Amino acid sequence: MRPLTDHLPKPLLRVGGISLIEHQIHALSAAGFTELVVNHAYLGEQIEAALGDGSSWGVRIAYSHEPRALETGGGIFNALPLLGSGPFAVVNADIWTDLDYRALCHSPDGLAHLVLVDNPAHHPEGDFALIEGLARNRGEPRYTFSGIGVYRPELFEGCRPGAFPLAPLLRAACQRGRVSAWHHKRLWMDVGTPERLRQVDALLSPPVIERSAH
């Protein structure tokens, strides 16, 4: 995303007039989520200044500061003391979707519940197969992990503080049949490039109506 993120964290990039992370907060609040935890590392003080305590959206925001980027797994593990003992939802801040978060499975039978989407052009091989409601490491059809999931803290048992990815934990749990999944068939975009940022902005911005002079 450089140079756009040279002086601004990616979640604060704007589409449709507000930041990516504000879109997520609006959607989570509308779905009844009231307690949010925001992970941040790079330029995180800007995120805290922009969002405050969350009262503008009717939620309460706590912050989990990462002194250095801890990757997806390490970031969640670092935030566990703020997340409580029950299942919790995780949503990547650098995506956009029309998913209604009320549809999330709030208490998965296994260790995790993932939202999968159709494979985008930049990731045609997908991440997981979806077979009889379970995410599997092998099989067909294959879909892409959306960055939206519900996890039990037990998924992170045995982990140690530091940087580590989430994917190996999910794959190990999939191997044991402990990850359920659902296919979201509508809009989803990984806003990982300036071009995709422009696409989402165009999608969310009202059309410009040109009026002829009389």
N, C-alpha and C. Protein backbone atom coordinates (compact mmCIF):
# COMPACT_ATOMS: atom_id res chain seq x y z
N MET A 1 0.81 -1.22 0.00
CA MET A 1 0.00 0.00 0.00
C MET A 1 0.85 1.28 0.00
N ARG A 2 2.14 1.15 0.04
CA ARG A 2 2.96 2.35 -0.01
C ARG A 2 2.81 3.01 -1.38
N PRO A 3 2.84 4.34 -1.47
CA PRO A 3 3.18 5.30 -0.41
C PRO A 3 2.00 5.72 0.48
N LEU A 4 0.79 5.14 0.22
CA LEU A 4 -0.38 5.57 0.98
C LEU A 4 -0.21 5.34 2.48
N THR A 5 0.54 4.29 2.84
CA THR A 5 0.69 3.95 4.26
C THR A 5 2.02 4.41 4.84
N ASP A 6 2.74 5.26 4.13
CA ASP A 6 4.00 5.76 4.69
C ASP A 6 3.77 6.53 5.98
N HIS A 7 2.66 7.25 6.05
CA HIS A 7 2.38 8.08 7.23
C HIS A 7 0.98 7.84 7.79
N LEU A 8 0.34 6.74 7.36
CA LEU A 8 -1.03 6.45 7.80
C LEU A 8 -1.20 4.94 7.89
N PRO A 9 -1.68 4.40 9.00
CA PRO A 9 -1.90 2.95 9.08
C PRO A 9 -3.02 2.53 8.13
N LYS A 10 -2.89 1.34 7.57
CA LYS A 10 -3.83 0.89 6.55
C LYS A 10 -5.30 0.95 7.00
N PRO A 11 -5.64 0.58 8.24
CA PRO A 11 -7.06 0.64 8.62
C PRO A 11 -7.68 2.03 8.54
N LEU A 12 -6.86 3.08 8.50
CA LEU A 12 -7.40 4.44 8.42
C LEU A 12 -7.52 4.95 6.99
N LEU A 13 -7.14 4.15 6.01
CA LEU A 13 -7.39 4.54 4.62
C LEU A 13 -8.89 4.63 4.40
N ARG A 14 -9.31 5.60 3.61
CA ARG A 14 -10.74 5.91 3.49
C ARG A 14 -11.34 5.34 2.21
N VAL A 15 -12.54 4.79 2.36
CA VAL A 15 -13.35 4.37 1.21
C VAL A 15 -14.78 4.81 1.49
N GLY A 16 -15.42 5.35 0.49
CA GLY A 16 -16.79 5.82 0.70
C GLY A 16 -16.91 6.89 1.76
N GLY A 17 -15.85 7.66 1.96
CA GLY A 17 -15.90 8.80 2.87
C GLY A 17 -15.47 8.54 4.30
N ILE A 18 -15.31 7.27 4.69
CA ILE A 18 -14.85 6.96 6.04
C ILE A 18 -13.76 5.89 5.97
N SER A 19 -13.08 5.67 7.08
CA SER A 19 -11.96 4.73 7.07
C SER A 19 -12.45 3.29 7.01
N LEU A 20 -11.54 2.41 6.56
CA LEU A 20 -11.85 0.99 6.50
C LEU A 20 -12.31 0.47 7.86
N ILE A 21 -11.60 0.85 8.90
CA ILE A 21 -11.94 0.31 10.22
C ILE A 21 -13.27 0.87 10.72
N GLU A 22 -13.63 2.07 10.32
CA GLU A 22 -14.94 2.60 10.71
C GLU A 22 -16.06 1.79 10.07
N HIS A 23 -15.87 1.36 8.82
CA HIS A 23 -16.88 0.50 8.19
C HIS A 23 -17.09 -0.75 9.03
N GLN A 24 -15.99 -1.34 9.52
CA GLN A 24 -16.12 -2.55 10.32
C GLN A 24 -16.82 -2.26 11.65
N ILE A 25 -16.49 -1.15 12.28
CA ILE A 25 -17.12 -0.81 13.56
C ILE A 25 -18.61 -0.59 13.37
N HIS A 26 -18.99 0.12 12.31
CA HIS A 26 -20.42 0.32 12.01
C HIS A 26 -21.12 -1.03 11.88
N ALA A 27 -20.53 -1.94 11.10
CA ALA A 27 -21.16 -3.24 10.85
C ALA A 27 -21.25 -4.07 12.12
N LEU A 28 -20.20 -4.06 12.92
CA LEU A 28 -20.20 -4.83 14.17
C LEU A 28 -21.22 -4.26 15.16
N SER A 29 -21.27 -2.95 15.26
CA SER A 29 -22.23 -2.32 16.16
C SER A 29 -23.66 -2.65 15.73
N ALA A 30 -23.93 -2.60 14.43
CA ALA A 30 -25.27 -2.90 13.92
C ALA A 30 -25.66 -4.34 14.20
N ALA A 31 -24.66 -5.22 14.32
CA ALA A 31 -24.92 -6.64 14.58
C ALA A 31 -25.00 -6.95 16.07
N GLY A 32 -24.85 -5.94 16.92
CA GLY A 32 -25.01 -6.14 18.34
C GLY A 32 -23.73 -6.34 19.12
N PHE A 33 -22.58 -6.20 18.47
CA PHE A 33 -21.31 -6.27 19.18
C PHE A 33 -21.10 -4.95 19.92
N THR A 34 -20.79 -5.02 21.19
CA THR A 34 -20.62 -3.80 21.98
C THR A 34 -19.23 -3.66 22.59
N GLU A 35 -18.49 -4.76 22.70
CA GLU A 35 -17.14 -4.73 23.29
C GLU A 35 -16.13 -5.09 22.20
N LEU A 36 -15.32 -4.15 21.80
CA LEU A 36 -14.35 -4.37 20.73
C LEU A 36 -12.93 -4.22 21.27
N VAL A 37 -12.02 -5.02 20.70
CA VAL A 37 -10.60 -4.90 20.99
C VAL A 37 -9.89 -4.65 19.66
N VAL A 38 -9.12 -3.60 19.58
CA VAL A 38 -8.40 -3.25 18.36
C VAL A 38 -6.91 -3.50 18.57
N ASN A 39 -6.35 -4.41 17.76
CA ASN A 39 -4.90 -4.63 17.75
C ASN A 39 -4.25 -3.54 16.91
N HIS A 40 -3.13 -3.05 17.35
CA HIS A 40 -2.39 -2.12 16.49
C HIS A 40 -0.91 -2.16 16.81
N ALA A 41 -0.13 -1.83 15.80
CA ALA A 41 1.33 -1.75 15.96
C ALA A 41 1.81 -0.49 15.23
N TYR A 42 1.95 -0.57 13.91
CA TYR A 42 2.48 0.52 13.11
C TYR A 42 1.56 1.74 13.18
N LEU A 43 2.08 2.85 13.67
CA LEU A 43 1.35 4.11 13.77
C LEU A 43 0.03 3.94 14.53
N GLY A 44 0.05 3.05 15.51
CA GLY A 44 -1.17 2.75 16.24
C GLY A 44 -1.76 3.91 16.99
N GLU A 45 -0.92 4.87 17.38
CA GLU A 45 -1.46 6.03 18.10
C GLU A 45 -2.45 6.80 17.25
N GLN A 46 -2.29 6.75 15.91
CA GLN A 46 -3.25 7.41 15.04
C GLN A 46 -4.61 6.72 15.10
N ILE A 47 -4.60 5.39 15.20
CA ILE A 47 -5.85 4.64 15.29
C ILE A 47 -6.57 4.99 16.59
N GLU A 48 -5.84 5.04 17.69
CA GLU A 48 -6.46 5.38 18.98
C GLU A 48 -7.02 6.79 18.95
N ALA A 49 -6.30 7.72 18.33
CA ALA A 49 -6.78 9.10 18.25
C ALA A 49 -8.04 9.20 17.39
N ALA A 50 -8.10 8.40 16.34
CA ALA A 50 -9.25 8.45 15.42
C ALA A 50 -10.50 7.81 16.02
N LEU A 51 -10.33 6.72 16.77
CA LEU A 51 -11.47 5.95 17.25
C LEU A 51 -11.86 6.27 18.67
N GLY A 52 -10.91 6.69 19.49
CA GLY A 52 -11.22 6.98 20.88
C GLY A 52 -11.74 5.77 21.62
N ASP A 53 -12.73 5.99 22.47
CA ASP A 53 -13.26 4.90 23.28
C ASP A 53 -14.40 4.15 22.59
N GLY A 54 -14.73 4.56 21.36
CA GLY A 54 -15.78 3.87 20.61
C GLY A 54 -17.18 4.40 20.84
N SER A 55 -17.34 5.36 21.74
CA SER A 55 -18.68 5.83 22.09
C SER A 55 -19.41 6.45 20.90
N SER A 56 -18.68 6.95 19.92
CA SER A 56 -19.33 7.53 18.74
C SER A 56 -20.15 6.51 17.97
N TRP A 57 -19.81 5.22 18.13
CA TRP A 57 -20.53 4.14 17.44
C TRP A 57 -21.35 3.29 18.40
N GLY A 58 -21.45 3.71 19.65
CA GLY A 58 -22.21 2.94 20.62
C GLY A 58 -21.53 1.67 21.08
N VAL A 59 -20.19 1.64 20.99
CA VAL A 59 -19.43 0.47 21.45
C VAL A 59 -18.34 0.95 22.41
N ARG A 60 -17.69 -0.02 23.05
CA ARG A 60 -16.54 0.29 23.88
C ARG A 60 -15.31 -0.37 23.27
N ILE A 61 -14.27 0.42 23.04
CA ILE A 61 -13.06 -0.09 22.41
C ILE A 61 -11.92 -0.12 23.41
N ALA A 62 -11.28 -1.28 23.51
CA ALA A 62 -10.02 -1.42 24.23
C ALA A 62 -8.93 -1.66 23.19
N TYR A 63 -7.71 -1.33 23.52
CA TYR A 63 -6.61 -1.43 22.56
C TYR A 63 -5.56 -2.42 23.05
N SER A 64 -5.11 -3.25 22.12
CA SER A 64 -4.03 -4.19 22.38
C SER A 64 -2.83 -3.73 21.56
N HIS A 65 -1.89 -3.12 22.24
CA HIS A 65 -0.73 -2.57 21.56
C HIS A 65 0.32 -3.65 21.33
N GLU A 66 0.83 -3.70 20.11
CA GLU A 66 1.92 -4.61 19.79
C GLU A 66 3.19 -3.78 19.62
N PRO A 67 4.18 -3.98 20.48
CA PRO A 67 5.42 -3.20 20.35
C PRO A 67 6.11 -3.41 19.02
N ARG A 68 5.88 -4.57 18.43
CA ARG A 68 6.27 -4.85 17.05
C ARG A 68 5.18 -5.73 16.47
N ALA A 69 5.06 -5.75 15.15
CA ALA A 69 3.99 -6.52 14.52
C ALA A 69 4.11 -7.99 14.88
N LEU A 70 3.05 -8.56 15.43
CA LEU A 70 3.07 -9.93 15.93
C LEU A 70 2.41 -10.94 14.99
N GLU A 71 2.08 -10.53 13.79
CA GLU A 71 1.38 -11.37 12.82
C GLU A 71 -0.01 -11.71 13.33
N THR A 72 -0.75 -12.48 12.54
CA THR A 72 -2.16 -12.72 12.86
C THR A 72 -2.33 -13.52 14.14
N GLY A 73 -1.59 -14.61 14.28
CA GLY A 73 -1.73 -15.44 15.47
C GLY A 73 -1.19 -14.77 16.71
N GLY A 74 0.00 -14.21 16.62
CA GLY A 74 0.61 -13.56 17.77
C GLY A 74 -0.18 -12.36 18.24
N GLY A 75 -0.79 -11.64 17.31
CA GLY A 75 -1.60 -10.48 17.69
C GLY A 75 -2.82 -10.88 18.49
N ILE A 76 -3.50 -11.96 18.04
CA ILE A 76 -4.67 -12.43 18.79
C ILE A 76 -4.24 -12.96 20.16
N PHE A 77 -3.17 -13.73 20.19
CA PHE A 77 -2.67 -14.28 21.46
C PHE A 77 -2.35 -13.15 22.44
N ASN A 78 -1.74 -12.08 21.94
CA ASN A 78 -1.39 -10.94 22.78
C ASN A 78 -2.63 -10.27 23.36
N ALA A 79 -3.75 -10.34 22.62
CA ALA A 79 -4.98 -9.68 23.06
C ALA A 79 -5.86 -10.57 23.92
N LEU A 80 -5.52 -11.83 24.10
CA LEU A 80 -6.40 -12.75 24.83
C LEU A 80 -6.81 -12.25 26.22
N PRO A 81 -5.92 -11.61 26.99
CA PRO A 81 -6.36 -11.12 28.30
C PRO A 81 -7.52 -10.12 28.24
N LEU A 82 -7.71 -9.49 27.09
CA LEU A 82 -8.80 -8.53 26.93
C LEU A 82 -10.07 -9.15 26.37
N LEU A 83 -9.97 -10.40 25.92
CA LEU A 83 -11.05 -11.02 25.15
C LEU A 83 -11.95 -11.94 25.98
N GLY A 84 -11.58 -12.24 27.19
CA GLY A 84 -12.44 -13.08 28.02
C GLY A 84 -12.22 -14.56 27.77
N SER A 85 -13.06 -15.38 28.41
CA SER A 85 -12.86 -16.83 28.38
C SER A 85 -13.72 -17.54 27.37
N GLY A 86 -14.63 -16.83 26.70
CA GLY A 86 -15.53 -17.46 25.74
C GLY A 86 -15.11 -17.20 24.31
N PRO A 87 -15.89 -17.69 23.33
CA PRO A 87 -15.59 -17.45 21.92
C PRO A 87 -15.62 -15.96 21.59
N PHE A 88 -14.82 -15.56 20.63
CA PHE A 88 -14.77 -14.16 20.20
C PHE A 88 -14.59 -14.10 18.69
N ALA A 89 -15.13 -13.05 18.10
CA ALA A 89 -15.01 -12.85 16.65
C ALA A 89 -13.79 -12.00 16.35
N VAL A 90 -13.15 -12.31 15.23
CA VAL A 90 -12.01 -11.53 14.74
C VAL A 90 -12.30 -11.12 13.30
N VAL A 91 -12.10 -9.84 13.02
CA VAL A 91 -12.35 -9.31 11.68
C VAL A 91 -11.12 -8.50 11.26
N ASN A 92 -10.54 -8.84 10.13
CA ASN A 92 -9.41 -8.05 9.61
C ASN A 92 -9.90 -6.65 9.27
N ALA A 93 -9.09 -5.66 9.59
CA ALA A 93 -9.48 -4.27 9.33
C ALA A 93 -9.26 -3.86 7.88
N ASP A 94 -8.47 -4.64 7.12
CA ASP A 94 -8.16 -4.24 5.75
C ASP A 94 -8.96 -5.04 4.72
N ILE A 95 -10.22 -5.36 5.07
CA ILE A 95 -11.13 -5.97 4.12
C ILE A 95 -12.40 -5.13 4.06
N TRP A 96 -13.19 -5.35 3.02
CA TRP A 96 -14.54 -4.78 2.97
C TRP A 96 -15.49 -5.88 2.53
N THR A 97 -16.65 -5.94 3.17
CA THR A 97 -17.63 -6.95 2.84
C THR A 97 -19.03 -6.44 3.17
N ASP A 98 -20.03 -7.02 2.51
CA ASP A 98 -21.42 -6.70 2.85
C ASP A 98 -22.00 -7.74 3.80
N LEU A 99 -21.14 -8.58 4.39
CA LEU A 99 -21.60 -9.60 5.31
C LEU A 99 -22.29 -8.97 6.52
N ASP A 100 -23.47 -9.47 6.86
CA ASP A 100 -24.16 -9.08 8.08
C ASP A 100 -23.58 -9.92 9.22
N TYR A 101 -22.89 -9.28 10.15
CA TYR A 101 -22.20 -10.03 11.19
C TYR A 101 -23.14 -10.72 12.17
N ARG A 102 -24.43 -10.45 12.07
CA ARG A 102 -25.39 -11.21 12.87
C ARG A 102 -25.44 -12.66 12.43
N ALA A 103 -24.96 -12.94 11.21
CA ALA A 103 -24.98 -14.32 10.69
C ALA A 103 -23.83 -15.17 11.22
N LEU A 104 -22.88 -14.56 11.93
CA LEU A 104 -21.75 -15.33 12.44
C LEU A 104 -22.20 -16.36 13.47
N CYS A 105 -21.51 -17.49 13.47
CA CYS A 105 -21.73 -18.51 14.50
C CYS A 105 -21.05 -18.03 15.78
N HIS A 106 -21.82 -17.70 16.79
CA HIS A 106 -21.26 -17.09 17.99
C HIS A 106 -20.65 -18.09 18.96
N SER A 107 -20.97 -19.38 18.80
CA SER A 107 -20.44 -20.38 19.71
C SER A 107 -20.14 -21.66 18.94
N PRO A 108 -19.01 -21.70 18.24
CA PRO A 108 -18.69 -22.87 17.40
C PRO A 108 -18.55 -24.14 18.24
N ASP A 109 -18.95 -25.27 17.65
CA ASP A 109 -18.81 -26.55 18.34
C ASP A 109 -17.34 -26.93 18.50
N GLY A 110 -16.52 -26.55 17.53
CA GLY A 110 -15.10 -26.86 17.58
C GLY A 110 -14.29 -25.71 18.13
N LEU A 111 -13.09 -25.57 17.59
CA LEU A 111 -12.19 -24.52 18.06
C LEU A 111 -12.34 -23.22 17.29
N ALA A 112 -12.93 -23.29 16.09
CA ALA A 112 -13.04 -22.09 15.26
C ALA A 112 -14.17 -22.25 14.26
N HIS A 113 -14.67 -21.12 13.81
CA HIS A 113 -15.65 -21.07 12.73
C HIS A 113 -15.18 -19.99 11.75
N LEU A 114 -15.01 -20.35 10.49
CA LEU A 114 -14.44 -19.44 9.50
C LEU A 114 -15.48 -19.03 8.47
N VAL A 115 -15.39 -17.79 8.01
CA VAL A 115 -16.16 -17.34 6.86
C VAL A 115 -15.26 -17.45 5.64
N LEU A 116 -15.69 -18.25 4.66
CA LEU A 116 -14.94 -18.44 3.43
C LEU A 116 -15.65 -17.71 2.29
N VAL A 117 -14.86 -17.29 1.30
CA VAL A 117 -15.41 -16.55 0.17
C VAL A 117 -14.85 -17.14 -1.13
N ASP A 118 -15.48 -16.77 -2.26
CA ASP A 118 -14.96 -17.20 -3.56
C ASP A 118 -13.53 -16.71 -3.74
N ASN A 119 -12.73 -17.50 -4.43
CA ASN A 119 -11.32 -17.16 -4.61
C ASN A 119 -11.17 -15.93 -5.51
N PRO A 120 -10.52 -14.87 -5.03
CA PRO A 120 -10.28 -13.70 -5.88
C PRO A 120 -9.20 -14.00 -6.90
N ALA A 121 -9.08 -13.12 -7.88
CA ALA A 121 -8.11 -13.32 -8.95
C ALA A 121 -6.69 -13.41 -8.43
N HIS A 122 -6.38 -12.69 -7.35
CA HIS A 122 -5.01 -12.69 -6.84
C HIS A 122 -4.73 -13.88 -5.91
N HIS A 123 -5.74 -14.73 -5.67
CA HIS A 123 -5.54 -15.91 -4.81
C HIS A 123 -6.40 -17.06 -5.34
N PRO A 124 -6.12 -17.52 -6.57
CA PRO A 124 -7.04 -18.47 -7.22
C PRO A 124 -7.04 -19.86 -6.60
N GLU A 125 -5.99 -20.24 -5.87
CA GLU A 125 -5.93 -21.59 -5.33
C GLU A 125 -6.73 -21.77 -4.05
N GLY A 126 -7.14 -20.67 -3.42
CA GLY A 126 -7.91 -20.76 -2.19
C GLY A 126 -7.09 -21.20 -1.00
N ASP A 127 -7.76 -21.37 0.15
CA ASP A 127 -7.10 -21.74 1.40
C ASP A 127 -7.60 -23.06 1.97
N PHE A 128 -8.93 -23.24 1.96
CA PHE A 128 -9.52 -24.40 2.59
C PHE A 128 -10.61 -24.98 1.70
N ALA A 129 -10.79 -26.30 1.81
CA ALA A 129 -11.97 -26.92 1.23
C ALA A 129 -13.12 -26.79 2.22
N LEU A 130 -14.33 -26.83 1.71
CA LEU A 130 -15.52 -26.79 2.55
C LEU A 130 -16.32 -28.05 2.27
N ILE A 131 -16.35 -28.95 3.24
CA ILE A 131 -16.98 -30.25 3.07
C ILE A 131 -17.91 -30.52 4.25
N GLU A 132 -19.20 -30.57 3.95
CA GLU A 132 -20.22 -30.86 4.96
C GLU A 132 -20.10 -29.95 6.19
N GLY A 133 -19.89 -28.66 5.90
CA GLY A 133 -19.86 -27.67 6.97
C GLY A 133 -18.55 -27.56 7.72
N LEU A 134 -17.54 -28.32 7.30
CA LEU A 134 -16.24 -28.26 7.95
C LEU A 134 -15.18 -27.73 6.99
N ALA A 135 -14.27 -26.92 7.52
CA ALA A 135 -13.10 -26.50 6.73
C ALA A 135 -12.08 -27.63 6.75
N ARG A 136 -11.57 -27.97 5.57
CA ARG A 136 -10.61 -29.06 5.43
C ARG A 136 -9.39 -28.57 4.68
N ASN A 137 -8.25 -29.14 5.00
CA ASN A 137 -7.00 -28.74 4.33
C ASN A 137 -6.94 -29.24 2.90
N ARG A 138 -7.63 -30.34 2.61
CA ARG A 138 -7.63 -30.92 1.27
C ARG A 138 -9.06 -31.18 0.83
N GLY A 139 -9.22 -31.22 -0.49
CA GLY A 139 -10.53 -31.51 -1.04
C GLY A 139 -11.04 -30.37 -1.90
N GLU A 140 -12.23 -30.57 -2.44
CA GLU A 140 -12.88 -29.59 -3.31
C GLU A 140 -14.34 -29.46 -2.88
N PRO A 141 -14.96 -28.30 -3.11
CA PRO A 141 -14.39 -27.07 -3.66
C PRO A 141 -13.54 -26.33 -2.62
N ARG A 142 -12.62 -25.51 -3.13
CA ARG A 142 -11.75 -24.73 -2.26
C ARG A 142 -12.16 -23.26 -2.29
N TYR A 143 -12.02 -22.64 -1.14
CA TYR A 143 -12.39 -21.24 -1.01
C TYR A 143 -11.29 -20.49 -0.26
N THR A 144 -11.39 -19.17 -0.28
CA THR A 144 -10.42 -18.30 0.39
C THR A 144 -10.95 -17.90 1.77
N PHE A 145 -10.06 -17.93 2.74
CA PHE A 145 -10.42 -17.46 4.08
C PHE A 145 -10.56 -15.94 4.04
N SER A 146 -11.68 -15.45 4.54
CA SER A 146 -12.03 -14.03 4.40
C SER A 146 -11.32 -13.12 5.39
N GLY A 147 -10.68 -13.69 6.42
CA GLY A 147 -10.16 -12.86 7.50
C GLY A 147 -11.20 -12.59 8.57
N ILE A 148 -12.33 -13.30 8.48
CA ILE A 148 -13.41 -13.19 9.47
C ILE A 148 -13.60 -14.56 10.10
N GLY A 149 -13.51 -14.64 11.40
CA GLY A 149 -13.67 -15.92 12.07
C GLY A 149 -14.12 -15.75 13.51
N VAL A 150 -14.59 -16.83 14.09
CA VAL A 150 -14.93 -16.89 15.51
C VAL A 150 -14.05 -17.97 16.12
N TYR A 151 -13.36 -17.64 17.20
CA TYR A 151 -12.38 -18.56 17.78
C TYR A 151 -12.66 -18.76 19.26
N ARG A 152 -12.32 -19.95 19.72
CA ARG A 152 -12.28 -20.22 21.15
C ARG A 152 -10.85 -20.00 21.64
N PRO A 153 -10.67 -19.49 22.85
CA PRO A 153 -9.30 -19.29 23.35
C PRO A 153 -8.47 -20.57 23.34
N GLU A 154 -9.14 -21.72 23.43
CA GLU A 154 -8.41 -22.99 23.43
C GLU A 154 -7.63 -23.23 22.15
N LEU A 155 -8.00 -22.56 21.06
CA LEU A 155 -7.24 -22.68 19.82
C LEU A 155 -5.78 -22.30 20.03
N PHE A 156 -5.52 -21.44 21.00
CA PHE A 156 -4.18 -20.89 21.21
C PHE A 156 -3.45 -21.57 22.37
N GLU A 157 -3.99 -22.67 22.86
CA GLU A 157 -3.30 -23.39 23.94
C GLU A 157 -1.92 -23.85 23.48
N GLY A 158 -0.94 -23.65 24.32
CA GLY A 158 0.42 -24.05 23.99
C GLY A 158 1.22 -23.00 23.26
N CYS A 159 0.57 -21.89 22.86
CA CYS A 159 1.28 -20.83 22.15
C CYS A 159 2.09 -19.99 23.15
N ARG A 160 3.12 -19.36 22.64
CA ARG A 160 3.96 -18.50 23.46
C ARG A 160 3.94 -17.08 22.90
N PRO A 161 4.18 -16.09 23.75
CA PRO A 161 4.20 -14.71 23.27
C PRO A 161 5.23 -14.52 22.16
N GLY A 162 4.89 -13.67 21.22
CA GLY A 162 5.78 -13.39 20.11
C GLY A 162 5.01 -13.43 18.80
N ALA A 163 5.72 -13.25 17.72
CA ALA A 163 5.11 -13.20 16.40
C ALA A 163 4.93 -14.61 15.85
N PHE A 164 3.71 -14.92 15.41
CA PHE A 164 3.47 -16.19 14.72
C PHE A 164 2.17 -16.08 13.92
N PRO A 165 2.07 -16.83 12.83
CA PRO A 165 0.87 -16.75 11.99
C PRO A 165 -0.28 -17.57 12.57
N LEU A 166 -1.48 -17.25 12.14
CA LEU A 166 -2.68 -17.97 12.56
C LEU A 166 -2.89 -19.24 11.75
N ALA A 167 -2.50 -19.23 10.48
CA ALA A 167 -2.83 -20.33 9.58
C ALA A 167 -2.41 -21.71 10.09
N PRO A 168 -1.20 -21.91 10.63
CA PRO A 168 -0.85 -23.25 11.11
C PRO A 168 -1.75 -23.75 12.22
N LEU A 169 -2.22 -22.87 13.11
CA LEU A 169 -3.15 -23.28 14.15
C LEU A 169 -4.47 -23.75 13.54
N LEU A 170 -4.95 -23.01 12.54
CA LEU A 170 -6.20 -23.39 11.90
C LEU A 170 -6.05 -24.71 11.15
N ARG A 171 -4.92 -24.89 10.48
CA ARG A 171 -4.73 -26.12 9.71
C ARG A 171 -4.63 -27.34 10.63
N ALA A 172 -3.98 -27.16 11.76
CA ALA A 172 -3.90 -28.26 12.73
C ALA A 172 -5.28 -28.60 13.26
N ALA A 173 -6.09 -27.59 13.53
CA ALA A 173 -7.44 -27.83 14.02
C ALA A 173 -8.32 -28.44 12.92
N CYS A 174 -8.12 -28.02 11.68
CA CYS A 174 -8.85 -28.62 10.55
C CYS A 174 -8.53 -30.11 10.43
N GLN A 175 -7.28 -30.45 10.64
CA GLN A 175 -6.86 -31.85 10.55
C GLN A 175 -7.63 -32.73 11.53
N ARG A 176 -8.04 -32.13 12.65
CA ARG A 176 -8.78 -32.88 13.67
C ARG A 176 -10.29 -32.69 13.53
N GLY A 177 -10.72 -32.01 12.47
CA GLY A 177 -12.15 -31.81 12.27
C GLY A 177 -12.76 -30.85 13.25
N ARG A 178 -11.98 -29.87 13.73
CA ARG A 178 -12.44 -28.96 14.79
C ARG A 178 -12.72 -27.55 14.27
N VAL A 179 -12.84 -27.38 12.95
CA VAL A 179 -13.09 -26.04 12.38
C VAL A 179 -14.31 -26.11 11.47
N SER A 180 -15.38 -25.45 11.85
CA SER A 180 -16.54 -25.33 10.98
C SER A 180 -16.36 -24.11 10.08
N ALA A 181 -17.17 -24.04 9.03
CA ALA A 181 -17.02 -22.92 8.07
C ALA A 181 -18.33 -22.69 7.34
N TRP A 182 -18.41 -21.51 6.77
CA TRP A 182 -19.59 -21.09 6.03
C TRP A 182 -19.12 -20.29 4.82
N HIS A 183 -19.80 -20.44 3.70
CA HIS A 183 -19.44 -19.76 2.45
C HIS A 183 -20.31 -18.51 2.27
N HIS A 184 -19.65 -17.35 2.36
CA HIS A 184 -20.33 -16.08 2.08
C HIS A 184 -20.24 -15.84 0.58
N LYS A 185 -21.39 -15.78 -0.08
CA LYS A 185 -21.41 -15.76 -1.54
C LYS A 185 -21.51 -14.36 -2.13
N ARG A 186 -21.60 -13.35 -1.29
CA ARG A 186 -21.80 -12.00 -1.82
C ARG A 186 -20.48 -11.22 -1.82
N LEU A 187 -20.53 -9.94 -1.50
CA LEU A 187 -19.37 -9.07 -1.72
C LEU A 187 -18.31 -9.22 -0.63
N TRP A 188 -17.09 -9.28 -1.05
CA TRP A 188 -15.93 -9.31 -0.16
C TRP A 188 -14.72 -8.89 -0.97
N MET A 189 -13.89 -8.04 -0.39
CA MET A 189 -12.65 -7.63 -1.05
C MET A 189 -11.53 -7.48 -0.04
N ASP A 190 -10.39 -8.01 -0.38
CA ASP A 190 -9.16 -7.79 0.37
C ASP A 190 -8.56 -6.49 -0.16
N VAL A 191 -8.58 -5.46 0.67
CA VAL A 191 -8.13 -4.14 0.21
C VAL A 191 -6.62 -4.05 0.41
N GLY A 192 -5.89 -4.83 -0.39
CA GLY A 192 -4.45 -4.96 -0.19
C GLY A 192 -3.59 -4.19 -1.16
N THR A 193 -4.21 -3.51 -2.14
CA THR A 193 -3.45 -2.72 -3.11
C THR A 193 -4.18 -1.40 -3.35
N PRO A 194 -3.46 -0.37 -3.83
CA PRO A 194 -4.14 0.89 -4.15
C PRO A 194 -5.27 0.71 -5.15
N GLU A 195 -5.10 -0.20 -6.11
CA GLU A 195 -6.14 -0.42 -7.10
C GLU A 195 -7.42 -0.98 -6.46
N ARG A 196 -7.27 -1.95 -5.56
CA ARG A 196 -8.46 -2.50 -4.90
C ARG A 196 -9.07 -1.48 -3.94
N LEU A 197 -8.25 -0.63 -3.37
CA LEU A 197 -8.78 0.47 -2.55
C LEU A 197 -9.65 1.38 -3.40
N ARG A 198 -9.20 1.70 -4.59
CA ARG A 198 -9.99 2.56 -5.49
C ARG A 198 -11.28 1.86 -5.90
N GLN A 199 -11.23 0.56 -6.11
CA GLN A 199 -12.43 -0.18 -6.51
C GLN A 199 -13.49 -0.14 -5.41
N VAL A 200 -13.07 -0.34 -4.16
CA VAL A 200 -14.03 -0.29 -3.06
C VAL A 200 -14.57 1.12 -2.88
N ASP A 201 -13.70 2.11 -3.02
CA ASP A 201 -14.13 3.50 -2.89
C ASP A 201 -15.18 3.83 -3.95
N ALA A 202 -14.96 3.38 -5.18
CA ALA A 202 -15.93 3.63 -6.24
C ALA A 202 -17.25 2.91 -5.96
N LEU A 203 -17.17 1.72 -5.38
CA LEU A 203 -18.37 0.96 -5.06
C LEU A 203 -19.21 1.65 -4.00
N LEU A 204 -18.55 2.29 -3.04
CA LEU A 204 -19.25 2.88 -1.90
C LEU A 204 -19.59 4.35 -2.08
N SER A 205 -18.97 5.01 -3.04
CA SER A 205 -19.19 6.44 -3.24
C SER A 205 -20.42 6.66 -4.12
N PRO A 206 -21.23 7.67 -3.82
CA PRO A 206 -22.40 7.93 -4.65
C PRO A 206 -21.97 8.38 -6.05
N PRO A 207 -22.76 8.02 -7.07
CA PRO A 207 -22.40 8.43 -8.43
C PRO A 207 -22.46 9.94 -8.60
N VAL A 208 -21.59 10.44 -9.45
CA VAL A 208 -21.57 11.87 -9.76
C VAL A 208 -22.55 12.12 -10.91
N ILE A 209 -23.52 13.00 -10.67
CA ILE A 209 -24.52 13.31 -11.69
C ILE A 209 -24.15 14.63 -12.33
N GLU A 210 -23.87 14.58 -13.60
CA GLU A 210 -23.52 15.80 -14.32
C GLU A 210 -24.81 16.47 -14.83
N ARG A 211 -24.90 17.75 -14.58
CA ARG A 211 -26.08 18.51 -15.03
C ARG A 211 -25.64 19.45 -16.14
N SER A 212 -26.39 19.43 -17.19
CA SER A 212 -26.07 20.31 -18.32
C SER A 212 -26.51 21.73 -17.99
N ALA A 213 -25.73 22.68 -18.47
CA ALA A 213 -26.05 24.09 -18.24
C ALA A 213 -27.16 24.52 -19.21
N HIS A 214 -28.04 25.40 -18.73
CA HIS A 214 -29.13 25.93 -19.58
C HIS A 214 -28.96 27.42 -19.74
